Amino acid sequence: MFKAFQLLLFLFVFSFASAQEEVVNSVYFEFDKYHLDEKQGNAAVNFIKTIDSTRIESVQIYGYCDDRGKDAYNFKLSNNRANTIKNKLIESGIKNKIIVTIEGKGRVMIDDDILENLPEVRSKNRRVDVVINMKPLPKIVIPGMFNTIQKKHIVGDRIFLADVLFEKGRSKINVKAKNDLEQMAIALLKYKNLHFEIQGHVCCTPPFQKEAIDRDTKKRQLSTNRALAVYKYLLFKKIDKNRMTYKGYGNAKPLGKEPEYDRRVEIVITKT
């Protein structure tokens, strides 16, 4: 049976209409149940602890049921599930006033042609989706640091792309970052004299632990993997590999701003 609670979805989704960052988490329930056991409750609390509470703008909670049962009963059950999660969030420190939506959606219908893994499909529909809308990060201004490639640079200039920020513990480039890197690649193809080092960074590790573990590779080389990911992307965009090097710096160069900014990659000019 599908686990009673599983953190199946934890990713960044970007709304192109509002450019607002969202964090989405799904809580799964047993058939015909809406209470949380101890394991479920702890998992819900741990999820909230991964979020920077100072950046939470609003929370939306949507409850669902599988396709069995009557509509009226399922609407009630899905509302009960949504309210159970609301109460757990409030217990975890989320303020009631920022929870703007609590809605039971009732049944999730299944297409007639879905016959394979039907029990698993239904178990995934017995859930609550928590959508956390995040406030945008404030813009930072640091002397000697640019946010785009310029026509003229000097050795040592740093280019920080505000949208090339990684999920905690990850080194995969997301959609929003690719948009920023695409513009950088266009500029680098134009200004072919620029050589540079791609520098990867991490946040939130203890001082004695200079590097972090990459959740995808399970190896303690997260900052290097982030720099390598950008290197490979620019290589794919036809940037000459002889112009580029990459290196991970772990937590050695924090910006002293919000922790999210340290989950970054910088471009540092090495030759003009």
C-alpha atoms as a PDB file:
ATOM      1  CA  MET A   1       0.000   0.000   0.000  1.00  0.00           C
ATOM      2  CA  PHE A   2       1.155   3.507  -0.725  1.00  0.00           C
ATOM      3  CA  LYS A   3       2.689   5.044   2.378  1.00  0.00           C
ATOM      4  CA  ALA A   4       0.264   6.932   4.584  1.00  0.00           C
ATOM      5  CA  PHE A   5       2.429   9.993   4.342  1.00  0.00           C
ATOM      6  CA  GLN A   6       5.072  10.652   1.768  1.00  0.00           C
ATOM      7  CA  LEU A   7       6.837  13.777   0.719  1.00  0.00           C
ATOM      8  CA  LEU A   8       6.410  13.139  -2.984  1.00  0.00           C
ATOM      9  CA  LEU A   9       6.593  16.638  -4.305  1.00  0.00           C
ATOM     10  CA  PHE A  10       9.011  19.265  -3.100  1.00  0.00           C
ATOM     11  CA  LEU A  11       9.966  21.531  -5.950  1.00  0.00           C
ATOM     12  CA  PHE A  12       9.920  25.078  -7.138  1.00  0.00           C
ATOM     13  CA  VAL A  13       7.205  26.043  -9.536  1.00  0.00           C
ATOM     14  CA  PHE A  14       7.214  29.394 -11.240  1.00  0.00           C
ATOM     15  CA  SER A  15       4.087  31.233 -12.280  1.00  0.00           C
ATOM     16  CA  PHE A  16       4.969  33.156 -15.395  1.00  0.00           C
ATOM     17  CA  ALA A  17       2.005  35.465 -14.898  1.00  0.00           C
ATOM     18  CA  SER A  18       3.204  36.745 -11.538  1.00  0.00           C
ATOM     19  CA  ALA A  19       6.770  35.376 -11.382  1.00  0.00           C
ATOM     20  CA  GLN A  20       5.972  34.284  -7.838  1.00  0.00           C
ATOM     21  CA  GLU A  21       7.910  31.443  -6.319  1.00  0.00           C
ATOM     22  CA  GLU A  22       5.919  28.577  -4.867  1.00  0.00           C
ATOM     23  CA  VAL A  23       6.850  25.609  -2.717  1.00  0.00           C
ATOM     24  CA  VAL A  24       4.433  22.694  -3.031  1.00  0.00           C
ATOM     25  CA  ASN A  25       4.132  19.772  -0.634  1.00  0.00           C
ATOM     26  CA  SER A  26       1.659  16.879  -0.751  1.00  0.00           C
ATOM     27  CA  VAL A  27       0.362  14.967   2.290  1.00  0.00           C
ATOM     28  CA  TYR A  28      -1.171  11.531   1.616  1.00  0.00           C
ATOM     29  CA  PHE A  29      -3.905   9.877   3.705  1.00  0.00           C
ATOM     30  CA  GLU A  30      -5.206   6.363   4.202  1.00  0.00           C
ATOM     31  CA  PHE A  31      -8.540   5.453   2.623  1.00  0.00           C
ATOM     32  CA  ASP A  32     -11.451   7.249   4.329  1.00  0.00           C
ATOM     33  CA  LYS A  33      -9.147   8.881   6.931  1.00  0.00           C
ATOM     34  CA  TYR A  34      -8.322  12.488   7.729  1.00  0.00           C
ATOM     35  CA  HIS A  35      -6.337  12.233  10.974  1.00  0.00           C
ATOM     36  CA  LEU A  36      -2.525  12.406  11.154  1.00  0.00           C
ATOM     37  CA  ASP A  37      -0.580   9.792  13.081  1.00  0.00           C
ATOM     38  CA  GLU A  38       2.683  10.670  14.855  1.00  0.00           C
ATOM     39  CA  LYS A  39       4.843   9.876  11.831  1.00  0.00           C
ATOM     40  CA  GLN A  40       2.707  12.016   9.537  1.00  0.00           C
ATOM     41  CA  GLY A  41       2.695  14.882  12.022  1.00  0.00           C
ATOM     42  CA  ASN A  42       6.477  14.826  12.401  1.00  0.00           C
ATOM     43  CA  ALA A  43       6.942  14.790   8.643  1.00  0.00           C
ATOM     44  CA  ALA A  44       4.645  17.783   8.254  1.00  0.00           C
ATOM     45  CA  VAL A  45       6.592  19.708  10.906  1.00  0.00           C
ATOM     46  CA  ASN A  46       9.909  18.819   9.283  1.00  0.00           C
ATOM     47  CA  PHE A  47       8.633  20.145   5.969  1.00  0.00           C
ATOM     48  CA  ILE A  48       7.764  23.496   7.534  1.00  0.00           C
ATOM     49  CA  LYS A  49      11.225  23.695   9.108  1.00  0.00           C
ATOM     50  CA  THR A  50      12.803  23.585   5.642  1.00  0.00           C
ATOM     51  CA  ILE A  51      10.999  26.785   4.666  1.00  0.00           C
ATOM     52  CA  ASP A  52      12.311  30.261   5.456  1.00  0.00           C
ATOM     53  CA  SER A  53       9.297  31.489   7.433  1.00  0.00           C
ATOM     54  CA  THR A  54      10.264  35.153   6.948  1.00  0.00           C
ATOM     55  CA  ARG A  55       9.629  34.782   3.219  1.00  0.00           C
ATOM     56  CA  ILE A  56       6.207  33.128   3.412  1.00  0.00           C
ATOM     57  CA  GLU A  57       3.623  35.458   1.907  1.00  0.00           C
ATOM     58  CA  SER A  58       0.574  33.184   1.891  1.00  0.00           C
ATOM     59  CA  VAL A  59      -0.449  29.537   2.167  1.00  0.00           C
ATOM     60  CA  GLN A  60      -3.122  27.693   0.200  1.00  0.00           C
ATOM     61  CA  ILE A  61      -4.399  24.274   1.277  1.00  0.00           C
ATOM     62  CA  TYR A  62      -6.381  21.987  -1.049  1.00  0.00           C
ATOM     63  CA  GLY A  63      -7.852  18.648   0.031  1.00  0.00           C
ATOM     64  CA  TYR A  64      -8.751  15.741  -2.272  1.00  0.00           C
ATOM     65  CA  CYS A  65     -10.289  12.252  -2.206  1.00  0.00           C
ATOM     66  CA  ASP A  66     -10.172   9.285  -4.529  1.00  0.00           C
ATOM     67  CA  ASP A  67     -13.014   8.590  -6.975  1.00  0.00           C
ATOM     68  CA  ARG A  68     -15.011   6.239  -4.744  1.00  0.00           C
ATOM     69  CA  GLY A  69     -18.018   7.302  -2.664  1.00  0.00           C
ATOM     70  CA  LYS A  70     -20.693   9.983  -2.978  1.00  0.00           C
ATOM     71  CA  ASP A  71     -19.902  13.585  -3.815  1.00  0.00           C
ATOM     72  CA  ALA A  72     -21.272  15.106  -0.602  1.00  0.00           C
ATOM     73  CA  TYR A  73     -19.318  12.692   1.599  1.00  0.00           C
ATOM     74  CA  ASN A  74     -16.086  13.228  -0.346  1.00  0.00           C
ATOM     75  CA  PHE A  75     -16.360  17.016  -0.200  1.00  0.00           C
ATOM     76  CA  LYS A  76     -16.716  16.763   3.573  1.00  0.00           C
ATOM     77  CA  LEU A  77     -13.791  14.334   3.843  1.00  0.00           C
ATOM     78  CA  SER A  78     -11.540  16.483   1.649  1.00  0.00           C
ATOM     79  CA  ASN A  79     -12.410  19.553   3.750  1.00  0.00           C
ATOM     80  CA  ASN A  80     -11.595  17.634   6.931  1.00  0.00           C
ATOM     81  CA  ARG A  81      -8.219  16.651   5.470  1.00  0.00           C
ATOM     82  CA  ALA A  82      -7.469  20.251   4.505  1.00  0.00           C
ATOM     83  CA  ASN A  83      -8.379  21.498   7.991  1.00  0.00           C
ATOM     84  CA  THR A  84      -6.249  18.798   9.630  1.00  0.00           C
ATOM     85  CA  ILE A  85      -3.225  20.084   7.727  1.00  0.00           C
ATOM     86  CA  LYS A  86      -4.142  23.691   8.523  1.00  0.00           C
ATOM     87  CA  ASN A  87      -4.148  22.898  12.237  1.00  0.00           C
ATOM     88  CA  LYS A  88      -0.783  21.145  11.966  1.00  0.00           C
ATOM     89  CA  LEU A  89       0.737  24.130  10.162  1.00  0.00           C
ATOM     90  CA  ILE A  90      -0.530  26.502  12.848  1.00  0.00           C
ATOM     91  CA  GLU A  91       0.910  24.238  15.559  1.00  0.00           C
ATOM     92  CA  SER A  92       4.220  24.411  13.656  1.00  0.00           C
ATOM     93  CA  GLY A  93       4.344  28.210  13.787  1.00  0.00           C
ATOM     94  CA  ILE A  94       2.535  29.258  10.608  1.00  0.00           C
ATOM     95  CA  LYS A  95       0.280  32.246  11.342  1.00  0.00           C
ATOM     96  CA  ASN A  96      -3.410  31.690  10.697  1.00  0.00           C
ATOM     97  CA  LYS A  97      -3.761  35.024   8.889  1.00  0.00           C
ATOM     98  CA  ILE A  98      -1.439  34.007   6.037  1.00  0.00           C
ATOM     99  CA  ILE A  99      -3.463  30.853   5.289  1.00  0.00           C
ATOM    100  CA  VAL A 100      -5.631  32.389   2.590  1.00  0.00           C
ATOM    101  CA  THR A 101      -7.290  29.264   1.193  1.00  0.00           C
ATOM    102  CA  ILE A 102      -8.616  26.095   2.843  1.00  0.00           C
ATOM    103  CA  GLU A 103     -10.656  24.178   0.323  1.00  0.00           C
ATOM    104  CA  GLY A 104     -11.884  20.621  -0.094  1.00  0.00           C
ATOM    105  CA  LYS A 105     -12.006  19.715  -3.770  1.00  0.00           C
ATOM    106  CA  GLY A 106     -13.783  16.389  -3.332  1.00  0.00           C
ATOM    107  CA  ARG A 107     -13.144  13.499  -5.679  1.00  0.00           C
ATOM    108  CA  VAL A 108     -10.354  13.263  -8.247  1.00  0.00           C
ATOM    109  CA  MET A 109     -11.846  11.332 -11.140  1.00  0.00           C
ATOM    110  CA  ILE A 110      -9.777   8.714 -12.937  1.00  0.00           C
ATOM    111  CA  ASP A 111      -9.718   8.360 -16.720  1.00  0.00           C
ATOM    112  CA  ASP A 112     -11.542   5.283 -17.977  1.00  0.00           C
ATOM    113  CA  ASP A 113      -8.431   3.963 -19.720  1.00  0.00           C
ATOM    114  CA  ILE A 114      -6.356   3.868 -16.502  1.00  0.00           C
ATOM    115  CA  LEU A 115      -6.429   0.234 -15.407  1.00  0.00           C
ATOM    116  CA  GLU A 116      -2.800  -0.374 -14.504  1.00  0.00           C
ATOM    117  CA  ASN A 117      -1.704   0.426 -10.916  1.00  0.00           C
ATOM    118  CA  LEU A 118      -5.217   1.629 -10.090  1.00  0.00           C
ATOM    119  CA  PRO A 119      -4.788   1.264  -6.286  1.00  0.00           C
ATOM    120  CA  GLU A 120      -1.629   3.388  -6.385  1.00  0.00           C
ATOM    121  CA  VAL A 121      -3.284   6.028  -8.565  1.00  0.00           C
ATOM    122  CA  ARG A 122      -6.164   6.245  -6.101  1.00  0.00           C
ATOM    123  CA  SER A 123      -3.823   6.458  -3.106  1.00  0.00           C
ATOM    124  CA  LYS A 124      -2.085   9.453  -4.677  1.00  0.00           C
ATOM    125  CA  ASN A 125      -5.456  11.189  -4.984  1.00  0.00           C
ATOM    126  CA  ARG A 126      -6.154  10.858  -1.246  1.00  0.00           C
ATOM    127  CA  ARG A 127      -4.073  13.880  -0.381  1.00  0.00           C
ATOM    128  CA  VAL A 128      -3.751  17.499   0.656  1.00  0.00           C
ATOM    129  CA  ASP A 129      -1.618  19.896  -1.397  1.00  0.00           C
ATOM    130  CA  VAL A 130       0.026  22.707   0.554  1.00  0.00           C
ATOM    131  CA  VAL A 131       1.043  25.607  -1.702  1.00  0.00           C
ATOM    132  CA  ILE A 132       3.341  28.113  -0.015  1.00  0.00           C
ATOM    133  CA  ASN A 133       3.725  31.383  -1.910  1.00  0.00           C
ATOM    134  CA  MET A 134       7.086  32.982  -1.217  1.00  0.00           C
ATOM    135  CA  LYS A 135       8.001  36.656  -1.150  1.00  0.00           C
ATOM    136  CA  PRO A 136      10.700  37.525  -3.703  1.00  0.00           C
ATOM    137  CA  LEU A 137      14.229  37.796  -2.411  1.00  0.00           C
ATOM    138  CA  PRO A 138      15.415  41.387  -2.003  1.00  0.00           C
ATOM    139  CA  LYS A 139      17.884  42.593  -4.625  1.00  0.00           C
ATOM    140  CA  ILE A 140      21.446  42.843  -3.431  1.00  0.00           C
ATOM    141  CA  VAL A 141      24.042  45.443  -4.378  1.00  0.00           C
ATOM    142  CA  ILE A 142      27.715  44.612  -3.755  1.00  0.00           C
ATOM    143  CA  PRO A 143      30.654  46.682  -5.072  1.00  0.00           C
ATOM    144  CA  GLY A 144      32.484  44.914  -7.891  1.00  0.00           C
ATOM    145  CA  MET A 145      29.583  42.548  -8.482  1.00  0.00           C
ATOM    146  CA  PHE A 146      27.432  42.718 -11.611  1.00  0.00           C
ATOM    147  CA  ASN A 147      24.175  40.992 -12.500  1.00  0.00           C
ATOM    148  CA  THR A 148      24.885  40.765 -16.236  1.00  0.00           C
ATOM    149  CA  ILE A 149      27.896  40.379 -18.511  1.00  0.00           C
ATOM    150  CA  GLN A 150      29.224  43.804 -19.476  1.00  0.00           C
ATOM    151  CA  LYS A 151      31.038  44.924 -22.634  1.00  0.00           C
ATOM    152  CA  LYS A 152      34.099  45.840 -20.589  1.00  0.00           C
ATOM    153  CA  HIS A 153      35.271  43.973 -17.509  1.00  0.00           C
ATOM    154  CA  ILE A 154      38.466  43.855 -15.499  1.00  0.00           C
ATOM    155  CA  VAL A 155      40.032  40.766 -13.991  1.00  0.00           C
ATOM    156  CA  GLY A 156      38.324  39.953 -10.716  1.00  0.00           C
ATOM    157  CA  ASP A 157      34.881  41.272 -11.632  1.00  0.00           C
ATOM    158  CA  ARG A 158      32.110  39.031 -10.312  1.00  0.00           C
ATOM    159  CA  ILE A 159      28.815  38.339 -12.052  1.00  0.00           C
ATOM    160  CA  PHE A 160      26.033  37.161  -9.767  1.00  0.00           C
ATOM    161  CA  LEU A 161      22.822  36.005 -11.396  1.00  0.00           C
ATOM    162  CA  ALA A 162      19.986  36.374  -8.906  1.00  0.00           C
ATOM    163  CA  ASP A 163      17.871  33.706 -10.598  1.00  0.00           C
ATOM    164  CA  VAL A 164      20.614  31.069 -10.660  1.00  0.00           C
ATOM    165  CA  LEU A 165      19.909  29.884  -7.129  1.00  0.00           C
ATOM    166  CA  PHE A 166      19.649  26.201  -6.307  1.00  0.00           C
ATOM    167  CA  GLU A 167      17.244  24.215  -4.189  1.00  0.00           C
ATOM    168  CA  LYS A 168      18.726  23.286  -0.829  1.00  0.00           C
ATOM    169  CA  GLY A 169      20.976  20.248  -1.221  1.00  0.00           C
ATOM    170  CA  ARG A 170      20.575  20.168  -5.010  1.00  0.00           C
ATOM    171  CA  SER A 171      22.778  20.937  -8.003  1.00  0.00           C
ATOM    172  CA  LYS A 172      20.203  20.720 -10.785  1.00  0.00           C
ATOM    173  CA  ILE A 173      19.492  23.875 -12.772  1.00  0.00           C
ATOM    174  CA  ASN A 174      15.815  24.852 -12.652  1.00  0.00           C
ATOM    175  CA  VAL A 175      13.731  26.507 -15.363  1.00  0.00           C
ATOM    176  CA  LYS A 176      14.083  30.027 -13.993  1.00  0.00           C
ATOM    177  CA  ALA A 177      17.871  29.676 -13.810  1.00  0.00           C
ATOM    178  CA  LYS A 178      18.025  28.493 -17.410  1.00  0.00           C
ATOM    179  CA  ASN A 179      16.345  31.694 -18.566  1.00  0.00           C
ATOM    180  CA  ASP A 180      19.068  33.732 -16.845  1.00  0.00           C
ATOM    181  CA  LEU A 181      21.871  31.494 -18.108  1.00  0.00           C
ATOM    182  CA  GLU A 182      20.513  31.731 -21.644  1.00  0.00           C
ATOM    183  CA  GLN A 183      21.003  35.505 -21.566  1.00  0.00           C
ATOM    184  CA  MET A 184      24.479  35.074 -20.117  1.00  0.00           C
ATOM    185  CA  ALA A 185      25.420  32.635 -22.883  1.00  0.00           C
ATOM    186  CA  ILE A 186      24.288  35.119 -25.535  1.00  0.00           C
ATOM    187  CA  ALA A 187      26.498  37.823 -23.970  1.00  0.00           C
ATOM    188  CA  LEU A 188      29.493  35.483 -23.656  1.00  0.00           C
ATOM    189  CA  LEU A 189      29.213  34.541 -27.326  1.00  0.00           C
ATOM    190  CA  LYS A 190      29.269  38.241 -28.132  1.00  0.00           C
ATOM    191  CA  TYR A 191      32.236  39.155 -25.902  1.00  0.00           C
ATOM    192  CA  LYS A 192      34.623  36.356 -26.838  1.00  0.00           C
ATOM    193  CA  ASN A 193      37.620  37.965 -25.123  1.00  0.00           C
ATOM    194  CA  LEU A 194      36.289  37.170 -21.640  1.00  0.00           C
ATOM    195  CA  HIS A 195      37.711  34.181 -19.764  1.00  0.00           C
ATOM    196  CA  PHE A 196      36.228  33.217 -16.421  1.00  0.00           C
ATOM    197  CA  GLU A 197      35.959  30.823 -13.516  1.00  0.00           C
ATOM    198  CA  ILE A 198      32.574  29.405 -12.542  1.00  0.00           C
ATOM    199  CA  GLN A 199      32.440  29.333  -8.747  1.00  0.00           C
ATOM    200  CA  GLY A 200      29.950  27.174  -6.857  1.00  0.00           C
ATOM    201  CA  HIS A 201      28.822  27.886  -3.282  1.00  0.00           C
ATOM    202  CA  VAL A 202      26.637  26.390  -0.544  1.00  0.00           C
ATOM    203  CA  CYS A 203      24.807  27.678   2.500  1.00  0.00           C
ATOM    204  CA  CYS A 204      23.762  26.502   5.888  1.00  0.00           C
ATOM    205  CA  THR A 205      26.535  24.069   6.779  1.00  0.00           C
ATOM    206  CA  PRO A 206      28.358  24.216  10.150  1.00  0.00           C
ATOM    207  CA  PRO A 207      31.712  26.065  10.106  1.00  0.00           C
ATOM    208  CA  PHE A 208      33.726  22.857  10.488  1.00  0.00           C
ATOM    209  CA  GLN A 209      31.930  21.270   7.499  1.00  0.00           C
ATOM    210  CA  LYS A 210      33.180  23.284   4.530  1.00  0.00           C
ATOM    211  CA  GLU A 211      31.299  21.325   1.879  1.00  0.00           C
ATOM    212  CA  ALA A 212      27.734  19.980   1.700  1.00  0.00           C
ATOM    213  CA  ILE A 213      26.310  16.704   0.460  1.00  0.00           C
ATOM    214  CA  ASP A 214      24.579  16.657  -2.904  1.00  0.00           C
ATOM    215  CA  ARG A 215      21.247  14.905  -2.319  1.00  0.00           C
ATOM    216  CA  ASP A 216      21.297  13.517  -5.863  1.00  0.00           C
ATOM    217  CA  THR A 217      24.801  12.009  -5.868  1.00  0.00           C
ATOM    218  CA  LYS A 218      25.063  11.402  -2.070  1.00  0.00           C
ATOM    219  CA  LYS A 219      28.619  12.791  -2.205  1.00  0.00           C
ATOM    220  CA  ARG A 220      30.057  15.750  -0.317  1.00  0.00           C
ATOM    221  CA  GLN A 221      30.750  17.881  -3.383  1.00  0.00           C
ATOM    222  CA  LEU A 222      27.650  20.052  -3.717  1.00  0.00           C
ATOM    223  CA  SER A 223      29.354  23.355  -4.554  1.00  0.00           C
ATOM    224  CA  THR A 224      31.545  21.687  -7.202  1.00  0.00           C
ATOM    225  CA  ASN A 225      28.504  20.004  -8.733  1.00  0.00           C
ATOM    226  CA  ARG A 226      26.685  23.341  -8.928  1.00  0.00           C
ATOM    227  CA  ALA A 227      29.632  24.948 -10.712  1.00  0.00           C
ATOM    228  CA  LEU A 228      29.896  21.930 -13.015  1.00  0.00           C
ATOM    229  CA  ALA A 229      26.183  22.123 -13.861  1.00  0.00           C
ATOM    230  CA  VAL A 230      26.608  25.723 -15.057  1.00  0.00           C
ATOM    231  CA  TYR A 231      29.826  24.790 -16.900  1.00  0.00           C
ATOM    232  CA  LYS A 232      28.009  22.008 -18.783  1.00  0.00           C
ATOM    233  CA  TYR A 233      25.102  24.313 -19.606  1.00  0.00           C
ATOM    234  CA  LEU A 234      27.393  26.990 -21.084  1.00  0.00           C
ATOM    235  CA  LEU A 235      29.324  24.307 -22.952  1.00  0.00           C
ATOM    236  CA  PHE A 236      26.025  23.114 -24.429  1.00  0.00           C
ATOM    237  CA  LYS A 237      25.407  26.718 -25.509  1.00  0.00           C
ATOM    238  CA  LYS A 238      28.663  26.648 -27.533  1.00  0.00           C
ATOM    239  CA  ILE A 239      30.856  28.614 -25.127  1.00  0.00           C
ATOM    240  CA  ASP A 240      34.483  27.595 -25.788  1.00  0.00           C
ATOM    241  CA  LYS A 241      35.692  25.298 -23.007  1.00  0.00           C
ATOM    242  CA  ASN A 242      39.123  26.963 -23.162  1.00  0.00           C
ATOM    243  CA  ARG A 243      37.534  30.139 -21.787  1.00  0.00           C
ATOM    244  CA  MET A 244      36.041  28.420 -18.746  1.00  0.00           C
ATOM    245  CA  THR A 245      37.123  26.700 -15.559  1.00  0.00           C
ATOM    246  CA  TYR A 246      34.958  25.683 -12.618  1.00  0.00           C
ATOM    247  CA  LYS A 247      35.542  25.181  -8.899  1.00  0.00           C
ATOM    248  CA  GLY A 248      33.520  24.585  -5.753  1.00  0.00           C
ATOM    249  CA  TYR A 249      34.160  26.848  -2.762  1.00  0.00           C
ATOM    250  CA  GLY A 250      31.799  25.227  -0.281  1.00  0.00           C
ATOM    251  CA  ASN A 251      30.723  27.658   2.445  1.00  0.00           C
ATOM    252  CA  ALA A 252      33.977  29.671   2.361  1.00  0.00           C
ATOM    253  CA  LYS A 253      32.522  32.765   0.659  1.00  0.00           C
ATOM    254  CA  PRO A 254      29.122  33.676   2.165  1.00  0.00           C
ATOM    255  CA  LEU A 255      27.568  36.940   1.015  1.00  0.00           C
ATOM    256  CA  GLY A 256      26.256  37.755   4.473  1.00  0.00           C
ATOM    257  CA  LYS A 257      22.727  38.113   3.120  1.00  0.00           C
ATOM    258  CA  GLU A 258      19.752  35.723   3.048  1.00  0.00           C
ATOM    259  CA  PRO A 259      20.900  32.065   3.051  1.00  0.00           C
ATOM    260  CA  GLU A 260      19.295  31.492  -0.358  1.00  0.00           C
ATOM    261  CA  TYR A 261      21.910  33.756  -1.937  1.00  0.00           C
ATOM    262  CA  ASP A 262      24.666  31.407  -0.839  1.00  0.00           C
ATOM    263  CA  ARG A 263      23.128  28.560  -2.832  1.00  0.00           C
ATOM    264  CA  ARG A 264      24.596  30.242  -5.873  1.00  0.00           C
ATOM    265  CA  VAL A 265      27.114  30.150  -8.685  1.00  0.00           C
ATOM    266  CA  GLU A 266      29.192  33.211  -9.589  1.00  0.00           C
ATOM    267  CA  ILE A 267      31.129  34.008 -12.731  1.00  0.00           C
ATOM    268  CA  VAL A 268      34.536  35.573 -11.938  1.00  0.00           C
ATOM    269  CA  ILE A 269      36.494  37.177 -14.767  1.00  0.00           C
ATOM    270  CA  THR A 270      40.046  35.770 -15.075  1.00  0.00           C
ATOM    271  CA  LYS A 271      41.186  37.281 -18.395  1.00  0.00           C
ATOM    272  CA  THR A 272      39.972  40.069 -20.698  1.00  0.00           C
END
